[in-house]
PDB file of N, CA and C in Angstrom:
ATOM      1  N   MET A   1      12.492 -46.051  48.097  1.00  0.00           N
ATOM      2  CA  MET A   1      13.072 -45.725  46.832  1.00  0.00           C
ATOM      3  C   MET A   1      13.228 -44.203  46.729  1.00  0.00           C
ATOM      4  N   ASN A   2      14.378 -43.749  46.306  1.00  0.00           N
ATOM      5  CA  ASN A   2      14.644 -42.318  46.165  1.00  0.00           C
ATOM      6  C   ASN A   2      14.132 -41.815  44.829  1.00  0.00           C
ATOM      7  N   ILE A   3      13.567 -40.625  44.852  1.00  0.00           N
ATOM      8  CA  ILE A   3      13.091 -39.976  43.635  1.00  0.00           C
ATOM      9  C   ILE A   3      13.889 -38.696  43.456  1.00  0.00           C
ATOM     10  N   TYR A   4      14.496 -38.568  42.293  1.00  0.00           N
ATOM     11  CA  TYR A   4      15.306 -37.401  41.996  1.00  0.00           C
ATOM     12  C   TYR A   4      14.665 -36.601  40.875  1.00  0.00           C
ATOM     13  N   LYS A   5      14.616 -35.294  41.082  1.00  0.00           N
ATOM     14  CA  LYS A   5      14.113 -34.428  40.020  1.00  0.00           C
ATOM     15  C   LYS A   5      15.229 -34.227  39.003  1.00  0.00           C
ATOM     16  N   VAL A   6      14.899 -34.458  37.744  1.00  0.00           N
ATOM     17  CA  VAL A   6      15.872 -34.295  36.675  1.00  0.00           C
ATOM     18  C   VAL A   6      15.603 -32.964  35.982  1.00  0.00           C
ATOM     19  N   PRO A   7      16.590 -32.066  35.993  1.00  0.00           N
ATOM     20  CA  PRO A   7      16.359 -30.792  35.307  1.00  0.00           C
ATOM     21  C   PRO A   7      16.373 -30.986  33.792  1.00  0.00           C
ATOM     22  N   PHE A   8      15.493 -30.291  33.135  1.00  0.00           N
ATOM     23  CA  PHE A   8      15.460 -30.353  31.679  1.00  0.00           C
ATOM     24  C   PHE A   8      15.191 -28.966  31.133  1.00  0.00           C
ATOM     25  N   ASP A   9      15.654 -28.739  29.956  1.00  0.00           N
ATOM     26  CA  ASP A   9      15.537 -27.431  29.325  1.00  0.00           C
ATOM     27  C   ASP A   9      15.111 -27.632  27.879  1.00  0.00           C
ATOM     28  N   PHE A  10      13.927 -27.133  27.532  1.00  0.00           N
ATOM     29  CA  PHE A  10      13.412 -27.273  26.178  1.00  0.00           C
ATOM     30  C   PHE A  10      13.391 -25.928  25.454  1.00  0.00           C
ATOM     31  N   THR A  11      14.390 -25.090  25.701  1.00  0.00           N
ATOM     32  CA  THR A  11      14.391 -23.788  25.051  1.00  0.00           C
ATOM     33  C   THR A  11      14.997 -23.842  23.653  1.00  0.00           C
ATOM     34  N   HIS A  12      15.654 -24.916  23.291  1.00  0.00           N
ATOM     35  CA  HIS A  12      16.229 -25.021  21.958  1.00  0.00           C
ATOM     36  C   HIS A  12      15.319 -25.874  21.077  1.00  0.00           C
ATOM     37  N   GLU A  13      15.458 -25.690  19.786  1.00  0.00           N
ATOM     38  CA  GLU A  13      14.675 -26.464  18.833  1.00  0.00           C
ATOM     39  C   GLU A  13      15.619 -27.307  17.994  1.00  0.00           C
ATOM     40  N   GLU A  14      15.161 -28.476  17.644  1.00  0.00           N
ATOM     41  CA  GLU A  14      15.964 -29.342  16.778  1.00  0.00           C
ATOM     42  C   GLU A  14      15.830 -28.859  15.338  1.00  0.00           C
ATOM     43  N   LYS A  15      16.943 -28.639  14.708  1.00  0.00           N
ATOM     44  CA  LYS A  15      16.955 -28.158  13.329  1.00  0.00           C
ATOM     45  C   LYS A  15      16.774 -29.346  12.392  1.00  0.00           C
ATOM     46  N   VAL A  16      15.606 -29.459  11.802  1.00  0.00           N
ATOM     47  CA  VAL A  16      15.227 -30.623  11.008  1.00  0.00           C
ATOM     48  C   VAL A  16      15.548 -30.432   9.530  1.00  0.00           C
ATOM     49  N   PHE A  17      15.300 -29.243   8.999  1.00  0.00           N
ATOM     50  CA  PHE A  17      15.433 -29.008   7.563  1.00  0.00           C
ATOM     51  C   PHE A  17      16.819 -28.454   7.248  1.00  0.00           C
ATOM     52  N   GLY A  18      17.677 -29.304   6.757  1.00  0.00           N
ATOM     53  CA  GLY A  18      19.019 -28.910   6.346  1.00  0.00           C
ATOM     54  C   GLY A  18      19.926 -28.509   7.491  1.00  0.00           C
ATOM     55  N   GLY A  19      19.521 -28.757   8.707  1.00  0.00           N
ATOM     56  CA  GLY A  19      20.323 -28.359   9.858  1.00  0.00           C
ATOM     57  C   GLY A  19      20.249 -26.884  10.174  1.00  0.00           C
ATOM     58  N   TYR A  20      19.400 -26.144   9.454  1.00  0.00           N
ATOM     59  CA  TYR A  20      19.292 -24.703   9.654  1.00  0.00           C
ATOM     60  C   TYR A  20      17.917 -24.257  10.140  1.00  0.00           C
ATOM     61  N   LEU A  21      16.875 -24.976   9.741  1.00  0.00           N
ATOM     62  CA  LEU A  21      15.509 -24.561  10.071  1.00  0.00           C
ATOM     63  C   LEU A  21      14.804 -25.625  10.889  1.00  0.00           C
ATOM     64  N   SER A  22      14.084 -25.178  11.907  1.00  0.00           N
ATOM     65  CA  SER A  22      13.268 -26.107  12.683  1.00  0.00           C
ATOM     66  C   SER A  22      11.914 -26.283  11.985  1.00  0.00           C
ATOM     67  N   PHE A  23      11.128 -27.220  12.478  1.00  0.00           N
ATOM     68  CA  PHE A  23       9.813 -27.477  11.897  1.00  0.00           C
ATOM     69  C   PHE A  23       8.922 -26.247  12.011  1.00  0.00           C
ATOM     70  N   ARG A  24       8.983 -25.558  13.152  1.00  0.00           N
ATOM     71  CA  ARG A  24       8.177 -24.364  13.380  1.00  0.00           C
ATOM     72  C   ARG A  24       8.565 -23.266  12.395  1.00  0.00           C
ATOM     73  N   GLN A  25       9.858 -23.053  12.194  1.00  0.00           N
ATOM     74  CA  GLN A  25      10.311 -22.032  11.261  1.00  0.00           C
ATOM     75  C   GLN A  25       9.904 -22.366   9.829  1.00  0.00           C
ATOM     76  N   MET A  26      10.032 -23.631   9.460  1.00  0.00           N
ATOM     77  CA  MET A  26       9.658 -24.039   8.111  1.00  0.00           C
ATOM     78  C   MET A  26       8.158 -23.857   7.885  1.00  0.00           C
ATOM     79  N   LEU A  27       7.357 -24.140   8.906  1.00  0.00           N
ATOM     80  CA  LEU A  27       5.907 -23.952   8.800  1.00  0.00           C
ATOM     81  C   LEU A  27       5.568 -22.484   8.567  1.00  0.00           C
ATOM     82  N   TYR A  28       6.217 -21.577   9.288  1.00  0.00           N
ATOM     83  CA  TYR A  28       5.968 -20.148   9.082  1.00  0.00           C
ATOM     84  C   TYR A  28       6.419 -19.704   7.697  1.00  0.00           C
ATOM     85  N   LEU A  29       7.529 -20.227   7.200  1.00  0.00           N
ATOM     86  CA  LEU A  29       7.975 -19.868   5.858  1.00  0.00           C
ATOM     87  C   LEU A  29       7.004 -20.363   4.790  1.00  0.00           C
ATOM     88  N   ILE A  30       6.472 -21.562   4.959  1.00  0.00           N
ATOM     89  CA  ILE A  30       5.510 -22.110   4.003  1.00  0.00           C
ATOM     90  C   ILE A  30       4.225 -21.283   4.008  1.00  0.00           C
ATOM     91  N   VAL A  31       3.752 -20.916   5.189  1.00  0.00           N
ATOM     92  CA  VAL A  31       2.526 -20.110   5.276  1.00  0.00           C
ATOM     93  C   VAL A  31       2.751 -18.730   4.658  1.00  0.00           C
ATOM     94  N   SER A  32       3.952 -18.154   4.844  1.00  0.00           N
ATOM     95  CA  SER A  32       4.206 -16.844   4.243  1.00  0.00           C
ATOM     96  C   SER A  32       4.269 -16.934   2.715  1.00  0.00           C
ATOM     97  N   VAL A  33       4.759 -18.039   2.178  1.00  0.00           N
ATOM     98  CA  VAL A  33       4.777 -18.222   0.722  1.00  0.00           C
ATOM     99  C   VAL A  33       3.358 -18.450   0.199  1.00  0.00           C
ATOM    100  N   ILE A  34       2.554 -19.184   0.940  1.00  0.00           N
ATOM    101  CA  ILE A  34       1.168 -19.435   0.539  1.00  0.00           C
ATOM    102  C   ILE A  34       0.344 -18.140   0.561  1.00  0.00           C
ATOM    103  N   SER A  35       0.798 -17.163   1.346  1.00  0.00           N
ATOM    104  CA  SER A  35       0.052 -15.907   1.417  1.00  0.00           C
ATOM    105  C   SER A  35       0.084 -15.129   0.100  1.00  0.00           C
ATOM    106  N   VAL A  36       0.784 -15.630  -0.896  1.00  0.00           N
ATOM    107  CA  VAL A  36       0.748 -15.027  -2.230  1.00  0.00           C
ATOM    108  C   VAL A  36      -0.687 -15.049  -2.757  1.00  0.00           C
ATOM    109  N   GLY A  37      -1.508 -15.946  -2.260  1.00  0.00           N
ATOM    110  CA  GLY A  37      -2.912 -16.015  -2.659  1.00  0.00           C
ATOM    111  C   GLY A  37      -3.669 -14.735  -2.371  1.00  0.00           C
ATOM    112  N   ILE A  38      -3.148 -13.904  -1.470  1.00  0.00           N
ATOM    113  CA  ILE A  38      -3.766 -12.608  -1.196  1.00  0.00           C
ATOM    114  C   ILE A  38      -3.774 -11.750  -2.460  1.00  0.00           C
ATOM    115  N   LEU A  39      -2.808 -11.953  -3.324  1.00  0.00           N
ATOM    116  CA  LEU A  39      -2.706 -11.140  -4.537  1.00  0.00           C
ATOM    117  C   LEU A  39      -3.814 -11.436  -5.538  1.00  0.00           C
ATOM    118  N   PHE A  40      -4.567 -12.512  -5.329  1.00  0.00           N
ATOM    119  CA  PHE A  40      -5.627 -12.876  -6.263  1.00  0.00           C
ATOM    120  C   PHE A  40      -7.009 -12.388  -5.839  1.00  0.00           C
ATOM    121  N   ILE A  41      -7.105 -11.691  -4.701  1.00  0.00           N
ATOM    122  CA  ILE A  41      -8.400 -11.141  -4.308  1.00  0.00           C
ATOM    123  C   ILE A  41      -8.650  -9.856  -5.100  1.00  0.00           C
ATOM    124  N   SER A  42      -9.891  -9.456  -5.187  1.00  0.00           N
ATOM    125  CA  SER A  42     -10.230  -8.311  -6.042  1.00  0.00           C
ATOM    126  C   SER A  42     -10.306  -7.014  -5.237  1.00  0.00           C
ATOM    127  N   VAL A  43      -9.141  -6.471  -4.947  1.00  0.00           N
ATOM    128  CA  VAL A  43      -9.007  -5.158  -4.310  1.00  0.00           C
ATOM    129  C   VAL A  43      -7.885  -4.417  -5.041  1.00  0.00           C
ATOM    130  N   PRO A  44      -7.745  -3.127  -4.813  1.00  0.00           N
ATOM    131  CA  PRO A  44      -6.675  -2.381  -5.498  1.00  0.00           C
ATOM    132  C   PRO A  44      -5.278  -2.967  -5.210  1.00  0.00           C
ATOM    133  N   ILE A  45      -4.400  -2.836  -6.182  1.00  0.00           N
ATOM    134  CA  ILE A  45      -3.069  -3.444  -6.106  1.00  0.00           C
ATOM    135  C   ILE A  45      -2.256  -2.888  -4.933  1.00  0.00           C
ATOM    136  N   VAL A  46      -2.465  -1.633  -4.585  1.00  0.00           N
ATOM    137  CA  VAL A  46      -1.730  -1.045  -3.456  1.00  0.00           C
ATOM    138  C   VAL A  46      -2.126  -1.732  -2.160  1.00  0.00           C
ATOM    139  N   LEU A  47      -3.417  -1.957  -1.972  1.00  0.00           N
ATOM    140  CA  LEU A  47      -3.899  -2.637  -0.775  1.00  0.00           C
ATOM    141  C   LEU A  47      -3.424  -4.079  -0.734  1.00  0.00           C
ATOM    142  N   LYS A  48      -3.434  -4.751  -1.883  1.00  0.00           N
ATOM    143  CA  LYS A  48      -2.919  -6.126  -1.956  1.00  0.00           C
ATOM    144  C   LYS A  48      -1.457  -6.183  -1.532  1.00  0.00           C
ATOM    145  N   THR A  49      -0.663  -5.253  -2.024  1.00  0.00           N
ATOM    146  CA  THR A  49       0.760  -5.230  -1.721  1.00  0.00           C
ATOM    147  C   THR A  49       1.001  -4.969  -0.238  1.00  0.00           C
ATOM    148  N   ILE A  50       0.266  -4.035   0.330  1.00  0.00           N
ATOM    149  CA  ILE A  50       0.423  -3.723   1.754  1.00  0.00           C
ATOM    150  C   ILE A  50       0.056  -4.928   2.607  1.00  0.00           C
ATOM    151  N   ILE A  51      -1.066  -5.568   2.301  1.00  0.00           N
ATOM    152  CA  ILE A  51      -1.491  -6.746   3.071  1.00  0.00           C
ATOM    153  C   ILE A  51      -0.485  -7.872   2.913  1.00  0.00           C
ATOM    154  N   PHE A  52      -0.039  -8.135   1.688  1.00  0.00           N
ATOM    155  CA  PHE A  52       0.916  -9.218   1.444  1.00  0.00           C
ATOM    156  C   PHE A  52       2.222  -8.983   2.190  1.00  0.00           C
ATOM    157  N   LEU A  53       2.773  -7.771   2.089  1.00  0.00           N
ATOM    158  CA  LEU A  53       4.044  -7.491   2.748  1.00  0.00           C
ATOM    159  C   LEU A  53       3.930  -7.537   4.269  1.00  0.00           C
ATOM    160  N   SER A  54       2.801  -7.091   4.814  1.00  0.00           N
ATOM    161  CA  SER A  54       2.636  -7.145   6.267  1.00  0.00           C
ATOM    162  C   SER A  54       2.492  -8.583   6.761  1.00  0.00           C
ATOM    163  N   VAL A  55       1.772  -9.419   6.007  1.00  0.00           N
ATOM    164  CA  VAL A  55       1.628 -10.830   6.392  1.00  0.00           C
ATOM    165  C   VAL A  55       2.970 -11.552   6.316  1.00  0.00           C
ATOM    166  N   VAL A  56       3.708 -11.340   5.243  1.00  0.00           N
ATOM    167  CA  VAL A  56       5.014 -11.985   5.096  1.00  0.00           C
ATOM    168  C   VAL A  56       5.971 -11.499   6.182  1.00  0.00           C
ATOM    169  N   ALA A  57       5.982 -10.205   6.459  1.00  0.00           N
ATOM    170  CA  ALA A  57       6.861  -9.666   7.502  1.00  0.00           C
ATOM    171  C   ALA A  57       6.512 -10.242   8.872  1.00  0.00           C
ATOM    172  N   MET A  58       5.213 -10.387   9.152  1.00  0.00           N
ATOM    173  CA  MET A  58       4.795 -10.939  10.436  1.00  0.00           C
ATOM    174  C   MET A  58       5.255 -12.390  10.588  1.00  0.00           C
ATOM    175  N   PHE A  59       5.067 -13.211   9.545  1.00  0.00           N
ATOM    176  CA  PHE A  59       5.456 -14.615   9.638  1.00  0.00           C
ATOM    177  C   PHE A  59       6.969 -14.794   9.670  1.00  0.00           C
ATOM    178  N   ILE A  60       7.708 -13.984   8.942  1.00  0.00           N
ATOM    179  CA  ILE A  60       9.168 -14.053   8.994  1.00  0.00           C
ATOM    180  C   ILE A  60       9.655 -13.647  10.387  1.00  0.00           C
ATOM    181  N   THR A  61       9.025 -12.629  10.965  1.00  0.00           N
ATOM    182  CA  THR A  61       9.366 -12.224  12.329  1.00  0.00           C
ATOM    183  C   THR A  61       9.064 -13.341  13.308  1.00  0.00           C
ATOM    184  N   PHE A  62       7.897 -13.969  13.172  1.00  0.00           N
ATOM    185  CA  PHE A  62       7.549 -15.083  14.055  1.00  0.00           C
ATOM    186  C   PHE A  62       8.538 -16.232  13.925  1.00  0.00           C
ATOM    187  N   ALA A  63       9.065 -16.449  12.739  1.00  0.00           N
ATOM    188  CA  ALA A  63       9.960 -17.581  12.519  1.00  0.00           C
ATOM    189  C   ALA A  63      11.350 -17.346  13.096  1.00  0.00           C
ATOM    190  N   PHE A  64      11.887 -16.146  12.985  1.00  0.00           N
ATOM    191  CA  PHE A  64      13.304 -15.964  13.276  1.00  0.00           C
ATOM    192  C   PHE A  64      13.644 -15.032  14.429  1.00  0.00           C
ATOM    193  N   LEU A  65      12.767 -14.127  14.828  1.00  0.00           N
ATOM    194  CA  LEU A  65      13.101 -13.150  15.853  1.00  0.00           C
ATOM    195  C   LEU A  65      12.949 -13.749  17.247  1.00  0.00           C
ATOM    196  N   LYS A  66      13.943 -13.502  18.100  1.00  0.00           N
ATOM    197  CA  LYS A  66      13.876 -13.927  19.493  1.00  0.00           C
ATOM    198  C   LYS A  66      13.805 -12.689  20.379  1.00  0.00           C
ATOM    199  N   VAL A  67      12.904 -12.732  21.359  1.00  0.00           N
ATOM    200  CA  VAL A  67      12.810 -11.683  22.358  1.00  0.00           C
ATOM    201  C   VAL A  67      13.310 -12.302  23.650  1.00  0.00           C
ATOM    202  N   GLY A  68      14.518 -11.956  24.036  1.00  0.00           N
ATOM    203  CA  GLY A  68      15.142 -12.631  25.167  1.00  0.00           C
ATOM    204  C   GLY A  68      15.478 -14.051  24.760  1.00  0.00           C
ATOM    205  N   ASN A  69      14.915 -15.025  25.451  1.00  0.00           N
ATOM    206  CA  ASN A  69      15.100 -16.431  25.099  1.00  0.00           C
ATOM    207  C   ASN A  69      13.869 -17.033  24.457  1.00  0.00           C
ATOM    208  N   ILE A  70      12.873 -16.199  24.159  1.00  0.00           N
ATOM    209  CA  ILE A  70      11.592 -16.686  23.654  1.00  0.00           C
ATOM    210  C   ILE A  70      11.418 -16.209  22.213  1.00  0.00           C
ATOM    211  N   TYR A  71      10.973 -17.095  21.335  1.00  0.00           N
ATOM    212  CA  TYR A  71      10.693 -16.683  19.966  1.00  0.00           C
ATOM    213  C   TYR A  71       9.486 -15.747  19.940  1.00  0.00           C
ATOM    214  N   ALA A  72       9.438 -14.897  18.920  1.00  0.00           N
ATOM    215  CA  ALA A  72       8.433 -13.844  18.842  1.00  0.00           C
ATOM    216  C   ALA A  72       7.012 -14.392  18.774  1.00  0.00           C
ATOM    217  N   ASP A  73       6.791 -15.563  18.144  1.00  0.00           N
ATOM    218  CA  ASP A  73       5.431 -16.095  18.067  1.00  0.00           C
ATOM    219  C   ASP A  73       4.906 -16.491  19.439  1.00  0.00           C
ATOM    220  N   LYS A  74       5.731 -17.137  20.234  1.00  0.00           N
ATOM    221  CA  LYS A  74       5.300 -17.518  21.583  1.00  0.00           C
ATOM    222  C   LYS A  74       5.060 -16.271  22.426  1.00  0.00           C
ATOM    223  N   TYR A  75       5.914 -15.279  22.276  1.00  0.00           N
ATOM    224  CA  TYR A  75       5.759 -14.023  23.000  1.00  0.00           C
ATOM    225  C   TYR A  75       4.443 -13.345  22.613  1.00  0.00           C
ATOM    226  N   PHE A  76       4.135 -13.324  21.313  1.00  0.00           N
ATOM    227  CA  PHE A  76       2.898 -12.726  20.815  1.00  0.00           C
ATOM    228  C   PHE A  76       1.676 -13.465  21.354  1.00  0.00           C
ATOM    229  N   PHE A  77       1.718 -14.804  21.336  1.00  0.00           N
ATOM    230  CA  PHE A  77       0.575 -15.568  21.828  1.00  0.00           C
ATOM    231  C   PHE A  77       0.422 -15.439  23.340  1.00  0.00           C
ATOM    232  N   ASP A  78       1.516 -15.289  24.069  1.00  0.00           N
ATOM    233  CA  ASP A  78       1.426 -15.039  25.507  1.00  0.00           C
ATOM    234  C   ASP A  78       0.771 -13.689  25.786  1.00  0.00           C
ATOM    235  N   ILE A  79       1.088 -12.687  24.990  1.00  0.00           N
ATOM    236  CA  ILE A  79       0.454 -11.371  25.135  1.00  0.00           C
ATOM    237  C   ILE A  79      -1.043 -11.473  24.848  1.00  0.00           C
ATOM    238  N   LEU A  80      -1.414 -12.193  23.774  1.00  0.00           N
ATOM    239  CA  LEU A  80      -2.836 -12.365  23.465  1.00  0.00           C
ATOM    240  C   LEU A  80      -3.570 -13.101  24.576  1.00  0.00           C
ATOM    241  N   LYS A  81      -2.947 -14.144  25.134  1.00  0.00           N
ATOM    242  CA  LYS A  81      -3.578 -14.863  26.244  1.00  0.00           C
ATOM    243  C   LYS A  81      -3.763 -13.946  27.440  1.00  0.00           C
ATOM    244  N   PHE A  82      -2.791 -13.091  27.711  1.00  0.00           N
ATOM    245  CA  PHE A  82      -2.908 -12.155  28.824  1.00  0.00           C
ATOM    246  C   PHE A  82      -4.045 -11.164  28.602  1.00  0.00           C
ATOM    247  N   ILE A  83      -4.167 -10.662  27.385  1.00  0.00           N
ATOM    248  CA  ILE A  83      -5.205  -9.666  27.086  1.00  0.00           C
ATOM    249  C   ILE A  83      -6.604 -10.279  27.177  1.00  0.00           C
ATOM    250  N   PHE A  84      -6.771 -11.497  26.656  1.00  0.00           N
ATOM    251  CA  PHE A  84      -8.100 -12.100  26.583  1.00  0.00           C
ATOM    252  C   PHE A  84      -8.433 -13.042  27.730  1.00  0.00           C
ATOM    253  N   ARG A  85      -7.581 -13.122  28.743  1.00  0.00           N
ATOM    254  CA  ARG A  85      -7.900 -14.007  29.863  1.00  0.00           C
ATOM    255  C   ARG A  85      -9.012 -13.423  30.699  1.00  0.00           C
ATOM    256  N   LYS A  86      -9.629 -14.277  31.492  1.00  0.00           N
ATOM    257  CA  LYS A  86     -10.694 -13.813  32.372  1.00  0.00           C
ATOM    258  C   LYS A  86     -10.043 -13.034  33.521  1.00  0.00           C
ATOM    259  N   LYS A  87     -10.509 -11.833  33.732  1.00  0.00           N
ATOM    260  CA  LYS A  87      -9.916 -10.973  34.737  1.00  0.00           C
ATOM    261  C   LYS A  87     -10.849 -10.865  35.943  1.00  0.00           C
ATOM    262  N   ILE A  88     -10.250 -10.752  37.092  1.00  0.00           N
ATOM    263  CA  ILE A  88     -11.002 -10.578  38.326  1.00  0.00           C
ATOM    264  C   ILE A  88     -10.790  -9.136  38.798  1.00  0.00           C
ATOM    265  N   PHE A  89     -11.859  -8.397  38.914  1.00  0.00           N
ATOM    266  CA  PHE A  89     -11.785  -7.017  39.356  1.00  0.00           C
ATOM    267  C   PHE A  89     -12.294  -6.939  40.779  1.00  0.00           C
ATOM    268  N   ILE A  90     -11.505  -6.329  41.643  1.00  0.00           N
ATOM    269  CA  ILE A  90     -11.887  -6.164  43.049  1.00  0.00           C
ATOM    270  C   ILE A  90     -12.109  -4.677  43.272  1.00  0.00           C
ATOM    271  N   PHE A  91     -13.339  -4.336  43.630  1.00  0.00           N
ATOM    272  CA  PHE A  91     -13.672  -2.938  43.877  1.00  0.00           C
ATOM    273  C   PHE A  91     -13.744  -2.722  45.386  1.00  0.00           C
ATOM    274  N   GLU A  92     -12.885  -1.846  45.881  1.00  0.00           N
ATOM    275  CA  GLU A  92     -12.877  -1.547  47.311  1.00  0.00           C
ATOM    276  C   GLU A  92     -13.063  -0.052  47.500  1.00  0.00           C
ATOM    277  N   ARG A  93     -13.583   0.301  48.649  1.00  0.00           N
ATOM    278  CA  ARG A  93     -13.725   1.723  49.002  1.00  0.00           C
ATOM    279  C   ARG A  93     -12.749   2.068  50.064  1.00  0.00           C
TER     280      ARG A  93
END
């Protein structure tokens, strides 16, 4: 029996919400809206605003920005995995 390798490409996402947003993008948008809860912590209003805007900007970037063919969230998590992976150091003279 012959076995053939079938090429497949999963670089695209199915747009589930209104034909415009994928599930991953919608999840990031929901989390960025929920981050309004940061405004209810007891710190100065300037600090609240800075934290809120940075969190929303990060999640919006993760949802929509592509670096090459990879979305920014996957790129960010790949960088984190690279930084925190177990490294092998070889010391030679």
